[in-house]
PDB file of N, CA and C in Angstrom:
ATOM      1  N   PRO A   1     -35.534 -27.954  15.466  1.00  0.00           N
ATOM      2  CA  PRO A   1     -35.343 -26.760  14.755  1.00  0.00           C
ATOM      3  C   PRO A   1     -33.713 -26.341  14.689  1.00  0.00           C
ATOM      4  N   VAL A   2     -33.221 -25.704  13.731  1.00  0.00           N
ATOM      5  CA  VAL A   2     -31.896 -25.182  13.505  1.00  0.00           C
ATOM      6  C   VAL A   2     -31.898 -24.033  14.235  1.00  0.00           C
ATOM      7  N   PRO A   3     -31.080 -23.858  15.144  1.00  0.00           N
ATOM      8  CA  PRO A   3     -30.788 -22.435  15.851  1.00  0.00           C
ATOM      9  C   PRO A   3     -30.227 -21.441  14.858  1.00  0.00           C
ATOM     10  N   VAL A   4     -30.782 -20.206  14.965  1.00  0.00           N
ATOM     11  CA  VAL A   4     -30.288 -19.162  14.221  1.00  0.00           C
ATOM     12  C   VAL A   4     -29.044 -18.614  14.712  1.00  0.00           C
ATOM     13  N   VAL A   5     -27.853 -18.471  13.899  1.00  0.00           N
ATOM     14  CA  VAL A   5     -26.798 -17.707  14.322  1.00  0.00           C
ATOM     15  C   VAL A   5     -26.556 -16.574  13.508  1.00  0.00           C
ATOM     16  N   ASP A   6     -26.359 -15.371  14.131  1.00  0.00           N
ATOM     17  CA  ASP A   6     -25.871 -14.261  13.463  1.00  0.00           C
ATOM     18  C   ASP A   6     -24.236 -14.138  13.332  1.00  0.00           C
ATOM     19  N   VAL A   7     -23.792 -14.540  12.122  1.00  0.00           N
ATOM     20  CA  VAL A   7     -22.565 -14.845  12.120  1.00  0.00           C
ATOM     21  C   VAL A   7     -21.767 -13.406  12.181  1.00  0.00           C
ATOM     22  N   ILE A   8     -22.314 -12.432  11.634  1.00  0.00           N
ATOM     23  CA  ILE A   8     -21.834 -10.986  11.733  1.00  0.00           C
ATOM     24  C   ILE A   8     -21.723 -10.635  13.154  1.00  0.00           C
ATOM     25  N   ALA A   9     -22.793 -10.559  13.759  1.00  0.00           N
ATOM     26  CA  ALA A   9     -22.894 -10.216  15.469  1.00  0.00           C
ATOM     27  C   ALA A   9     -21.911 -11.040  16.097  1.00  0.00           C
ATOM     28  N   GLU A  10     -21.749 -12.345  15.818  1.00  0.00           N
ATOM     29  CA  GLU A  10     -20.905 -13.191  16.673  1.00  0.00           C
ATOM     30  C   GLU A  10     -19.394 -12.810  16.372  1.00  0.00           C
ATOM     31  N   SER A  11     -19.113 -12.301  15.477  1.00  0.00           N
ATOM     32  CA  SER A  11     -17.565 -12.002  15.094  1.00  0.00           C
ATOM     33  C   SER A  11     -17.188 -10.740  15.533  1.00  0.00           C
ATOM     34  N   PRO A  12     -15.988 -10.383  15.859  1.00  0.00           N
ATOM     35  CA  PRO A  12     -15.429  -9.307  16.093  1.00  0.00           C
ATOM     36  C   PRO A  12     -15.394  -7.849  15.177  1.00  0.00           C
ATOM     37  N   LEU A  13     -15.985  -8.436  13.922  1.00  0.00           N
ATOM     38  CA  LEU A  13     -15.914  -7.387  12.877  1.00  0.00           C
ATOM     39  C   LEU A  13     -16.649  -6.217  13.295  1.00  0.00           C
ATOM     40  N   TRP A  14     -17.399  -6.152  14.431  1.00  0.00           N
ATOM     41  CA  TRP A  14     -18.183  -5.083  14.652  1.00  0.00           C
ATOM     42  C   TRP A  14     -17.084  -3.848  14.947  1.00  0.00           C
ATOM     43  N   ARG A  15     -16.110  -3.984  15.389  1.00  0.00           N
ATOM     44  CA  ARG A  15     -15.012  -3.014  15.581  1.00  0.00           C
ATOM     45  C   ARG A  15     -14.584  -2.440  14.576  1.00  0.00           C
ATOM     46  N   VAL A  16     -14.474  -3.191  13.466  1.00  0.00           N
ATOM     47  CA  VAL A  16     -13.965  -2.416  12.146  1.00  0.00           C
ATOM     48  C   VAL A  16     -15.066  -1.595  11.682  1.00  0.00           C
ATOM     49  N   ARG A  17     -16.376  -2.310  11.518  1.00  0.00           N
ATOM     50  CA  ARG A  17     -17.467  -1.587  11.296  1.00  0.00           C
ATOM     51  C   ARG A  17     -17.784  -0.261  12.173  1.00  0.00           C
ATOM     52  N   ARG A  18     -17.528  -0.295  13.447  1.00  0.00           N
ATOM     53  CA  ARG A  18     -17.767   0.978  14.353  1.00  0.00           C
ATOM     54  C   ARG A  18     -16.500   1.939  13.687  1.00  0.00           C
ATOM     55  N   LEU A  19     -15.382   1.776  13.493  1.00  0.00           N
ATOM     56  CA  LEU A  19     -14.308   2.800  13.136  1.00  0.00           C
ATOM     57  C   LEU A  19     -14.736   3.125  11.738  1.00  0.00           C
ATOM     58  N   VAL A  20     -15.253   2.415  10.785  1.00  0.00           N
ATOM     59  CA  VAL A  20     -15.384   2.823   9.305  1.00  0.00           C
ATOM     60  C   VAL A  20     -16.714   3.718   9.429  1.00  0.00           C
ATOM     61  N   GLU A  21     -17.648   3.513  10.065  1.00  0.00           N
ATOM     62  CA  GLU A  21     -18.636   4.396  10.347  1.00  0.00           C
ATOM     63  C   GLU A  21     -18.323   5.652  11.100  1.00  0.00           C
ATOM     64  N   LEU A  22     -17.729   5.567  11.985  1.00  0.00           N
ATOM     65  CA  LEU A  22     -17.194   6.728  12.741  1.00  0.00           C
ATOM     66  C   LEU A  22     -16.177   7.659  11.809  1.00  0.00           C
ATOM     67  N   GLY A  23     -15.569   6.976  10.808  1.00  0.00           N
ATOM     68  CA  GLY A  23     -14.969   7.850   9.927  1.00  0.00           C
ATOM     69  C   GLY A  23     -15.595   8.491   8.920  1.00  0.00           C
ATOM     70  N   VAL A  24     -16.904   7.931   8.757  1.00  0.00           N
ATOM     71  CA  VAL A  24     -17.927   8.656   7.808  1.00  0.00           C
ATOM     72  C   VAL A  24     -18.682   9.782   8.625  1.00  0.00           C
ATOM     73  N   SER A  25     -18.953   9.475   9.669  1.00  0.00           N
ATOM     74  CA  SER A  25     -19.703  10.792  10.400  1.00  0.00           C
ATOM     75  C   SER A  25     -18.940  11.729  11.222  1.00  0.00           C
ATOM     76  N   GLY A  26     -17.573  11.237  11.650  1.00  0.00           N
ATOM     77  CA  GLY A  26     -16.900  12.219  12.437  1.00  0.00           C
ATOM     78  C   GLY A  26     -15.585  12.698  11.765  1.00  0.00           C
ATOM     79  N   GLY A  27     -15.115  11.685  10.758  1.00  0.00           N
ATOM     80  CA  GLY A  27     -13.880  11.905  10.243  1.00  0.00           C
ATOM     81  C   GLY A  27     -12.559  11.481  10.701  1.00  0.00           C
ATOM     82  N   ARG A  28     -11.595  11.692  10.160  1.00  0.00           N
ATOM     83  CA  ARG A  28     -10.159  11.141  10.670  1.00  0.00           C
ATOM     84  C   ARG A  28     -10.041  11.230  12.270  1.00  0.00           C
ATOM     85  N   ARG A  29     -10.241  12.589  12.672  1.00  0.00           N
ATOM     86  CA  ARG A  29      -9.944  12.972  14.101  1.00  0.00           C
ATOM     87  C   ARG A  29     -10.739  12.066  15.089  1.00  0.00           C
ATOM     88  N   ALA A  30     -12.156  11.645  14.676  1.00  0.00           N
ATOM     89  CA  ALA A  30     -12.905  10.990  15.532  1.00  0.00           C
ATOM     90  C   ALA A  30     -12.510   9.638  15.572  1.00  0.00           C
ATOM     91  N   VAL A  31     -11.982   9.131  14.341  1.00  0.00           N
ATOM     92  CA  VAL A  31     -11.334   7.626  14.450  1.00  0.00           C
ATOM     93  C   VAL A  31     -10.185   7.608  15.375  1.00  0.00           C
ATOM     94  N   ALA A  32      -9.244   8.810  15.163  1.00  0.00           N
ATOM     95  CA  ALA A  32      -8.081   8.743  16.108  1.00  0.00           C
ATOM     96  C   ALA A  32      -8.601   8.722  17.533  1.00  0.00           C
ATOM     97  N   GLU A  33      -9.350   9.689  17.784  1.00  0.00           N
ATOM     98  CA  GLU A  33      -9.776   9.740  19.305  1.00  0.00           C
ATOM     99  C   GLU A  33     -10.416   8.403  19.760  1.00  0.00           C
ATOM    100  N   ALA A  34     -11.287   7.786  18.930  1.00  0.00           N
ATOM    101  CA  ALA A  34     -11.801   6.535  19.555  1.00  0.00           C
ATOM    102  C   ALA A  34     -10.831   5.516  19.699  1.00  0.00           C
ATOM    103  N   ALA A  35      -9.885   5.457  18.819  1.00  0.00           N
ATOM    104  CA  ALA A  35      -8.843   4.232  18.773  1.00  0.00           C
ATOM    105  C   ALA A  35      -7.851   4.864  19.939  1.00  0.00           C
ATOM    106  N   ARG A  36      -7.724   5.821  20.320  1.00  0.00           N
ATOM    107  CA  ARG A  36      -7.048   6.116  21.709  1.00  0.00           C
ATOM    108  C   ARG A  36      -7.499   5.247  22.695  1.00  0.00           C
ATOM    109  N   ASP A  37      -8.767   5.361  22.896  1.00  0.00           N
ATOM    110  CA  ASP A  37      -9.531   4.668  24.089  1.00  0.00           C
ATOM    111  C   ASP A  37      -9.607   3.321  23.795  1.00  0.00           C
ATOM    112  N   ASP A  38      -9.462   2.569  22.735  1.00  0.00           N
ATOM    113  CA  ASP A  38      -9.562   1.239  22.469  1.00  0.00           C
ATOM    114  C   ASP A  38      -8.352   0.704  21.858  1.00  0.00           C
ATOM    115  N   ALA A  39      -7.341   1.444  21.750  1.00  0.00           N
ATOM    116  CA  ALA A  39      -6.238   0.899  20.955  1.00  0.00           C
ATOM    117  C   ALA A  39      -5.611  -0.526  21.315  1.00  0.00           C
ATOM    118  N   ALA A  40      -5.917  -0.952  22.646  1.00  0.00           N
ATOM    119  CA  ALA A  40      -5.325  -2.375  22.972  1.00  0.00           C
ATOM    120  C   ALA A  40      -6.254  -3.326  22.581  1.00  0.00           C
ATOM    121  N   SER A  41      -7.626  -3.116  22.626  1.00  0.00           N
ATOM    122  CA  SER A  41      -8.510  -4.026  22.259  1.00  0.00           C
ATOM    123  C   SER A  41      -9.121  -4.119  20.703  1.00  0.00           C
ATOM    124  N   LEU A  42      -8.480  -3.409  19.922  1.00  0.00           N
ATOM    125  CA  LEU A  42      -9.044  -3.156  18.358  1.00  0.00           C
ATOM    126  C   LEU A  42      -8.653  -4.429  17.708  1.00  0.00           C
ATOM    127  N   ALA A  43      -7.100  -4.684  17.428  1.00  0.00           N
ATOM    128  CA  ALA A  43      -6.650  -5.783  16.369  1.00  0.00           C
ATOM    129  C   ALA A  43      -6.509  -7.117  17.041  1.00  0.00           C
ATOM    130  N   GLY A  44      -6.428  -7.102  18.543  1.00  0.00           N
ATOM    131  CA  GLY A  44      -6.183  -8.440  19.074  1.00  0.00           C
ATOM    132  C   GLY A  44      -7.271  -9.520  19.006  1.00  0.00           C
ATOM    133  N   PRO A  45      -8.622  -9.144  19.128  1.00  0.00           N
ATOM    134  CA  PRO A  45      -9.905 -10.058  19.041  1.00  0.00           C
ATOM    135  C   PRO A  45      -9.942 -10.345  17.475  1.00  0.00           C
ATOM    136  N   LEU A  46      -9.534  -9.506  16.738  1.00  0.00           N
ATOM    137  CA  LEU A  46      -9.738  -9.861  15.169  1.00  0.00           C
ATOM    138  C   LEU A  46      -8.597 -11.116  14.890  1.00  0.00           C
ATOM    139  N   ARG A  47      -7.312 -10.701  15.293  1.00  0.00           N
ATOM    140  CA  ARG A  47      -6.264 -11.566  15.183  1.00  0.00           C
ATOM    141  C   ARG A  47      -6.758 -13.031  15.687  1.00  0.00           C
ATOM    142  N   ARG A  48      -7.257 -13.026  16.977  1.00  0.00           N
ATOM    143  CA  ARG A  48      -7.446 -14.275  17.679  1.00  0.00           C
ATOM    144  C   ARG A  48      -8.665 -15.073  16.981  1.00  0.00           C
ATOM    145  N   ALA A  49      -9.697 -14.320  16.302  1.00  0.00           N
ATOM    146  CA  ALA A  49     -10.666 -14.815  15.479  1.00  0.00           C
ATOM    147  C   ALA A  49      -9.992 -15.197  13.898  1.00  0.00           C
ATOM    148  N   GLY A  50      -9.001 -14.896  13.710  1.00  0.00           N
ATOM    149  CA  GLY A  50      -8.255 -15.477  12.525  1.00  0.00           C
ATOM    150  C   GLY A  50      -8.424 -14.550  11.393  1.00  0.00           C
ATOM    151  N   LEU A  51      -8.963 -13.351  11.680  1.00  0.00           N
ATOM    152  CA  LEU A  51      -9.265 -12.182  10.689  1.00  0.00           C
ATOM    153  C   LEU A  51      -7.964 -11.425  10.736  1.00  0.00           C
ATOM    154  N   THR A  52      -6.969 -11.779  10.336  1.00  0.00           N
ATOM    155  CA  THR A  52      -5.679 -11.026  10.415  1.00  0.00           C
ATOM    156  C   THR A  52      -5.469  -9.912   9.541  1.00  0.00           C
ATOM    157  N   THR A  53      -6.251 -10.017   8.371  1.00  0.00           N
ATOM    158  CA  THR A  53      -6.177  -8.846   7.331  1.00  0.00           C
ATOM    159  C   THR A  53      -7.003  -7.802   7.762  1.00  0.00           C
ATOM    160  N   ALA A  54      -8.258  -7.999   8.542  1.00  0.00           N
ATOM    161  CA  ALA A  54      -9.022  -7.159   8.989  1.00  0.00           C
ATOM    162  C   ALA A  54      -8.239  -6.283  10.225  1.00  0.00           C
ATOM    163  N   ALA A  55      -7.587  -7.008  10.943  1.00  0.00           N
ATOM    164  CA  ALA A  55      -6.768  -6.804  12.049  1.00  0.00           C
ATOM    165  C   ALA A  55      -5.616  -5.539  11.516  1.00  0.00           C
ATOM    166  N   ALA A  56      -4.883  -6.127  10.421  1.00  0.00           N
ATOM    167  CA  ALA A  56      -4.150  -5.273   9.791  1.00  0.00           C
ATOM    168  C   ALA A  56      -4.329  -4.040   9.253  1.00  0.00           C
ATOM    169  N   LEU A  57      -5.724  -4.051   8.414  1.00  0.00           N
ATOM    170  CA  LEU A  57      -6.309  -2.983   7.907  1.00  0.00           C
ATOM    171  C   LEU A  57      -6.692  -1.854   8.720  1.00  0.00           C
ATOM    172  N   THR A  58      -7.425  -2.526  10.090  1.00  0.00           N
ATOM    173  CA  THR A  58      -7.877  -1.591  11.100  1.00  0.00           C
ATOM    174  C   THR A  58      -6.696  -0.942  11.758  1.00  0.00           C
ATOM    175  N   SER A  59      -5.462  -1.710  12.058  1.00  0.00           N
ATOM    176  CA  SER A  59      -4.475  -1.005  12.469  1.00  0.00           C
ATOM    177  C   SER A  59      -3.859   0.202  11.693  1.00  0.00           C
ATOM    178  N   ALA A  60      -3.936  -0.174  10.273  1.00  0.00           N
ATOM    179  CA  ALA A  60      -3.467   0.729   9.314  1.00  0.00           C
ATOM    180  C   ALA A  60      -4.545   2.186   9.565  1.00  0.00           C
ATOM    181  N   LEU A  61      -5.675   1.984   9.540  1.00  0.00           N
ATOM    182  CA  LEU A  61      -6.551   2.980   9.508  1.00  0.00           C
ATOM    183  C   LEU A  61      -6.405   3.792  10.792  1.00  0.00           C
ATOM    184  N   VAL A  62      -6.170   3.009  11.876  1.00  0.00           N
ATOM    185  CA  VAL A  62      -5.998   3.889  13.013  1.00  0.00           C
ATOM    186  C   VAL A  62      -4.585   4.802  13.081  1.00  0.00           C
ATOM    187  N   ALA A  63      -3.564   4.114  12.513  1.00  0.00           N
ATOM    188  CA  ALA A  63      -2.362   4.815  12.493  1.00  0.00           C
ATOM    189  C   ALA A  63      -2.499   5.973  11.355  1.00  0.00           C
ATOM    190  N   GLU A  64      -3.087   5.810  10.383  1.00  0.00           N
ATOM    191  CA  GLU A  64      -3.141   7.026   9.419  1.00  0.00           C
ATOM    192  C   GLU A  64      -4.127   8.084  10.009  1.00  0.00           C
ATOM    193  N   SER A  65      -5.154   7.773  10.622  1.00  0.00           N
ATOM    194  CA  SER A  65      -6.213   8.714  11.317  1.00  0.00           C
ATOM    195  C   SER A  65      -5.423   9.600  12.245  1.00  0.00           C
ATOM    196  N   ASP A  66      -4.503   9.068  12.767  1.00  0.00           N
ATOM    197  CA  ASP A  66      -3.789   9.919  13.916  1.00  0.00           C
ATOM    198  C   ASP A  66      -2.355  10.635  13.429  1.00  0.00           C
ATOM    199  N   ARG A  67      -1.928  10.423  12.017  1.00  0.00           N
ATOM    200  CA  ARG A  67      -0.696  10.868  11.552  1.00  0.00           C
ATOM    201  C   ARG A  67      -0.980  12.474  11.273  1.00  0.00           C
ATOM    202  N   ARG A  68       0.167  13.157  12.019  1.00  0.00           N
ATOM    203  CA  ARG A  68       0.167  14.445  11.551  1.00  0.00           C
ATOM    204  C   ARG A  68       1.719  14.957  11.352  1.00  0.00           C
ATOM    205  N   GLY A  69       1.962  15.347  10.297  1.00  0.00           N
ATOM    206  CA  GLY A  69       3.207  15.793  10.028  1.00  0.00           C
ATOM    207  C   GLY A  69       3.645  17.041  10.556  1.00  0.00           C
ATOM    208  N   ARG A  70       4.745  17.460  10.721  1.00  0.00           N
ATOM    209  CA  ARG A  70       5.513  18.736  11.103  1.00  0.00           C
ATOM    210  C   ARG A  70       6.337  19.466   9.863  1.00  0.00           C
ATOM    211  N   ASP A  71       6.196  20.635  10.016  1.00  0.00           N
ATOM    212  CA  ASP A  71       6.895  21.505   8.984  1.00  0.00           C
ATOM    213  C   ASP A  71       8.249  21.952   9.773  1.00  0.00           C
ATOM    214  N   ALA A  72       8.908  22.491   8.619  1.00  0.00           N
ATOM    215  CA  ALA A  72      10.508  23.165   9.220  1.00  0.00           C
ATOM    216  C   ALA A  72      10.572  23.553  10.354  1.00  0.00           C
ATOM    217  N   PHE A  73       9.490  24.103  10.869  1.00  0.00           N
ATOM    218  CA  PHE A  73       9.485  24.836  12.138  1.00  0.00           C
ATOM    219  C   PHE A  73       8.989  23.950  13.249  1.00  0.00           C
ATOM    220  N   GLY A  74       8.632  22.746  13.081  1.00  0.00           N
ATOM    221  CA  GLY A  74       7.922  21.861  14.066  1.00  0.00           C
ATOM    222  C   GLY A  74       6.534  22.040  14.315  1.00  0.00           C
ATOM    223  N   ARG A  75       5.871  22.771  13.630  1.00  0.00           N
ATOM    224  CA  ARG A  75       4.400  23.120  13.646  1.00  0.00           C
ATOM    225  C   ARG A  75       3.637  22.029  13.106  1.00  0.00           C
ATOM    226  N   LEU A  76       2.548  21.543  13.624  1.00  0.00           N
ATOM    227  CA  LEU A  76       1.770  20.460  12.984  1.00  0.00           C
ATOM    228  C   LEU A  76       1.157  20.945  11.625  1.00  0.00           C
ATOM    229  N   THR A  77       1.347  20.120  10.756  1.00  0.00           N
ATOM    230  CA  THR A  77       0.463  20.304   9.331  1.00  0.00           C
ATOM    231  C   THR A  77      -0.548  19.493   9.084  1.00  0.00           C
ATOM    232  N   ASP A  78      -1.421  20.127   8.116  1.00  0.00           N
ATOM    233  CA  ASP A  78      -2.313  19.202   7.732  1.00  0.00           C
ATOM    234  C   ASP A  78      -1.839  17.769   7.194  1.00  0.00           C
ATOM    235  N   PRO A  79      -2.578  16.757   7.622  1.00  0.00           N
ATOM    236  CA  PRO A  79      -2.185  15.487   7.120  1.00  0.00           C
ATOM    237  C   PRO A  79      -2.821  15.096   5.499  1.00  0.00           C
ATOM    238  N   ASP A  80      -2.097  14.245   4.913  1.00  0.00           N
ATOM    239  CA  ASP A  80      -2.438  13.950   3.545  1.00  0.00           C
ATOM    240  C   ASP A  80      -3.741  13.215   3.582  1.00  0.00           C
ATOM    241  N   PRO A  81      -4.751  13.768   2.947  1.00  0.00           N
ATOM    242  CA  PRO A  81      -6.045  13.345   2.815  1.00  0.00           C
ATOM    243  C   PRO A  81      -6.087  11.882   2.141  1.00  0.00           C
ATOM    244  N   ASP A  82      -5.193  11.865   1.028  1.00  0.00           N
ATOM    245  CA  ASP A  82      -5.170  10.784   0.215  1.00  0.00           C
ATOM    246  C   ASP A  82      -4.831   9.471   0.973  1.00  0.00           C
ATOM    247  N   ARG A  83      -3.816   9.482   1.823  1.00  0.00           N
ATOM    248  CA  ARG A  83      -3.508   8.380   2.603  1.00  0.00           C
ATOM    249  C   ARG A  83      -4.462   7.981   3.589  1.00  0.00           C
ATOM    250  N   TYR A  84      -5.056   8.817   4.234  1.00  0.00           N
ATOM    251  CA  TYR A  84      -6.349   8.428   4.983  1.00  0.00           C
ATOM    252  C   TYR A  84      -7.485   7.627   4.168  1.00  0.00           C
ATOM    253  N   ALA A  85      -7.663   8.348   3.072  1.00  0.00           N
ATOM    254  CA  ALA A  85      -8.967   7.904   2.195  1.00  0.00           C
ATOM    255  C   ALA A  85      -8.569   6.492   1.824  1.00  0.00           C
ATOM    256  N   TRP A  86      -7.316   6.243   1.372  1.00  0.00           N
ATOM    257  CA  TRP A  86      -6.895   4.819   0.996  1.00  0.00           C
ATOM    258  C   TRP A  86      -7.146   3.792   1.922  1.00  0.00           C
ATOM    259  N   ALA A  87      -6.659   4.250   3.298  1.00  0.00           N
ATOM    260  CA  ALA A  87      -6.674   3.368   4.478  1.00  0.00           C
ATOM    261  C   ALA A  87      -8.223   2.956   4.842  1.00  0.00           C
ATOM    262  N   TRP A  88      -8.962   4.093   4.518  1.00  0.00           N
ATOM    263  CA  TRP A  88     -10.683   3.882   5.017  1.00  0.00           C
ATOM    264  C   TRP A  88     -11.100   3.030   3.797  1.00  0.00           C
ATOM    265  N   LEU A  89     -10.910   3.127   2.826  1.00  0.00           N
ATOM    266  CA  LEU A  89     -11.512   2.581   1.653  1.00  0.00           C
ATOM    267  C   LEU A  89     -11.109   0.998   1.699  1.00  0.00           C
ATOM    268  N   ALA A  90      -9.764   0.662   2.019  1.00  0.00           N
ATOM    269  CA  ALA A  90      -9.346  -0.662   1.942  1.00  0.00           C
ATOM    270  C   ALA A  90      -9.963  -1.028   3.329  1.00  0.00           C
ATOM    271  N   ALA A  91     -10.072  -0.603   4.454  1.00  0.00           N
ATOM    272  CA  ALA A  91     -10.839  -1.260   5.407  1.00  0.00           C
ATOM    273  C   ALA A  91     -12.392  -1.409   5.175  1.00  0.00           C
ATOM    274  N   THR A  92     -12.942  -0.562   4.665  1.00  0.00           N
ATOM    275  CA  THR A  92     -14.338  -0.884   4.037  1.00  0.00           C
ATOM    276  C   THR A  92     -14.477  -1.749   3.080  1.00  0.00           C
ATOM    277  N   ALA A  93     -13.773  -1.849   2.071  1.00  0.00           N
ATOM    278  CA  ALA A  93     -14.057  -2.853   1.141  1.00  0.00           C
ATOM    279  C   ALA A  93     -13.589  -4.217   1.646  1.00  0.00           C
ATOM    280  N   HIS A  94     -12.507  -4.416   2.562  1.00  0.00           N
ATOM    281  CA  HIS A  94     -12.408  -5.688   3.220  1.00  0.00           C
ATOM    282  C   HIS A  94     -13.456  -6.024   4.136  1.00  0.00           C
ATOM    283  N   LEU A  95     -13.956  -5.031   4.843  1.00  0.00           N
ATOM    284  CA  LEU A  95     -15.015  -5.527   5.816  1.00  0.00           C
ATOM    285  C   LEU A  95     -16.249  -6.066   4.928  1.00  0.00           C
ATOM    286  N   ALA A  96     -16.619  -5.324   3.937  1.00  0.00           N
ATOM    287  CA  ALA A  96     -17.839  -5.630   3.012  1.00  0.00           C
ATOM    288  C   ALA A  96     -17.501  -7.082   2.577  1.00  0.00           C
ATOM    289  N   ALA A  97     -16.706  -7.361   1.995  1.00  0.00           N
ATOM    290  CA  ALA A  97     -16.203  -8.648   1.486  1.00  0.00           C
ATOM    291  C   ALA A  97     -16.231  -9.564   2.601  1.00  0.00           C
ATOM    292  N   THR A  98     -15.721  -9.311   3.753  1.00  0.00           N
ATOM    293  CA  THR A  98     -15.779 -10.315   4.699  1.00  0.00           C
ATOM    294  C   THR A  98     -17.006 -10.602   5.228  1.00  0.00           C
ATOM    295  N   GLU A  99     -17.935  -9.603   5.582  1.00  0.00           N
ATOM    296  CA  GLU A  99     -19.240  -9.834   5.857  1.00  0.00           C
ATOM    297  C   GLU A  99     -19.900 -10.694   4.906  1.00  0.00           C
ATOM    298  N   ARG A 100     -19.900 -10.285   3.602  1.00  0.00           N
ATOM    299  CA  ARG A 100     -20.494 -11.146   2.661  1.00  0.00           C
ATOM    300  C   ARG A 100     -20.020 -12.557   2.611  1.00  0.00           C
ATOM    301  N   GLU A 101     -18.762 -12.897   2.737  1.00  0.00           N
ATOM    302  CA  GLU A 101     -18.332 -14.195   2.837  1.00  0.00           C
ATOM    303  C   GLU A 101     -18.791 -14.996   4.110  1.00  0.00           C
ATOM    304  N   LEU A 102     -18.872 -14.251   5.015  1.00  0.00           N
ATOM    305  CA  LEU A 102     -19.398 -15.028   6.467  1.00  0.00           C
ATOM    306  C   LEU A 102     -20.842 -15.313   6.315  1.00  0.00           C
ATOM    307  N   ILE A 103     -21.658 -14.485   5.694  1.00  0.00           N
ATOM    308  CA  ILE A 103     -23.062 -14.651   5.584  1.00  0.00           C
ATOM    309  C   ILE A 103     -23.168 -15.801   4.415  1.00  0.00           C
ATOM    310  N   ARG A 104     -22.507 -15.748   3.428  1.00  0.00           N
ATOM    311  CA  ARG A 104     -22.645 -16.631   2.127  1.00  0.00           C
ATOM    312  C   ARG A 104     -22.142 -18.116   2.929  1.00  0.00           C
ATOM    313  N   SER A 105     -21.159 -18.280   3.700  1.00  0.00           N
ATOM    314  CA  SER A 105     -20.865 -19.498   4.129  1.00  0.00           C
ATOM    315  C   SER A 105     -21.921 -20.151   5.139  1.00  0.00           C
ATOM    316  N   SER A 106     -22.447 -19.273   5.625  1.00  0.00           N
ATOM    317  CA  SER A 106     -23.542 -19.547   6.587  1.00  0.00           C
ATOM    318  C   SER A 106     -24.755 -20.025   5.979  1.00  0.00           C
ATOM    319  N   TRP A 107     -24.997 -19.757   4.643  1.00  0.00           N
ATOM    320  CA  TRP A 107     -25.979 -20.413   3.852  1.00  0.00           C
ATOM    321  C   TRP A 107     -25.957 -21.900   3.269  1.00  0.00           C
ATOM    322  N   VAL A 108     -24.605 -22.339   3.429  1.00  0.00           N
ATOM    323  CA  VAL A 108     -24.297 -23.636   3.009  1.00  0.00           C
ATOM    324  C   VAL A 108     -24.899 -24.422   3.997  1.00  0.00           C
ATOM    325  N   ALA A 109     -25.548 -25.563   3.161  1.00  0.00           N
ATOM    326  CA  ALA A 109     -26.270 -26.481   4.265  1.00  0.00           C
ATOM    327  C   ALA A 109     -25.186 -27.567   4.530  1.00  0.00           C
ATOM    328  N   PRO A 110     -25.164 -27.963   5.863  1.00  0.00           N
ATOM    329  CA  PRO A 110     -24.074 -28.914   6.443  1.00  0.00           C
ATOM    330  C   PRO A 110     -24.410 -30.255   5.525  1.00  0.00           C
ATOM    331  N   ALA A 111     -23.409 -31.030   5.387  1.00  0.00           N
ATOM    332  CA  ALA A 111     -23.565 -32.198   4.819  1.00  0.00           C
ATOM    333  C   ALA A 111     -24.148 -33.250   5.493  1.00  0.00           C
ATOM    334  N   LEU A 112     -24.792 -34.013   5.317  1.00  0.00           N
ATOM    335  CA  LEU A 112     -25.741 -35.064   5.809  1.00  0.00           C
ATOM    336  C   LEU A 112     -24.963 -36.284   5.702  1.00  0.00           C
ATOM    337  N   GLY A 113     -24.867 -36.828   6.861  1.00  0.00           N
ATOM    338  CA  GLY A 113     -24.008 -38.155   6.787  1.00  0.00           C
ATOM    339  C   GLY A 113     -23.864 -38.952   8.060  1.00  0.00           C
TER     340      GLY A 113
END
């Protein structure tokens, strides 16, 4: 029998999935807080697995989630919701496409020979 391998569970994409889902349930502040705890361990495993675009988009999502501007008096202002939305959407779209491709590639029968 051929061993069953869950290509999604075996990849470090779960880190991206966690942030994307956290963005839905908790918003940008929740993503920023979670990233503070895991900042060093988010993009590295993705890059080592060859998922450099996922690493870049995850880093962009984290950076945008924690972006806060200041007004002329130095007070924190509300961040631009559009920039965060675009960062979240890019990470989500790439995650979905990457997971689909990993699954599709696992369906291809190995060459006999």
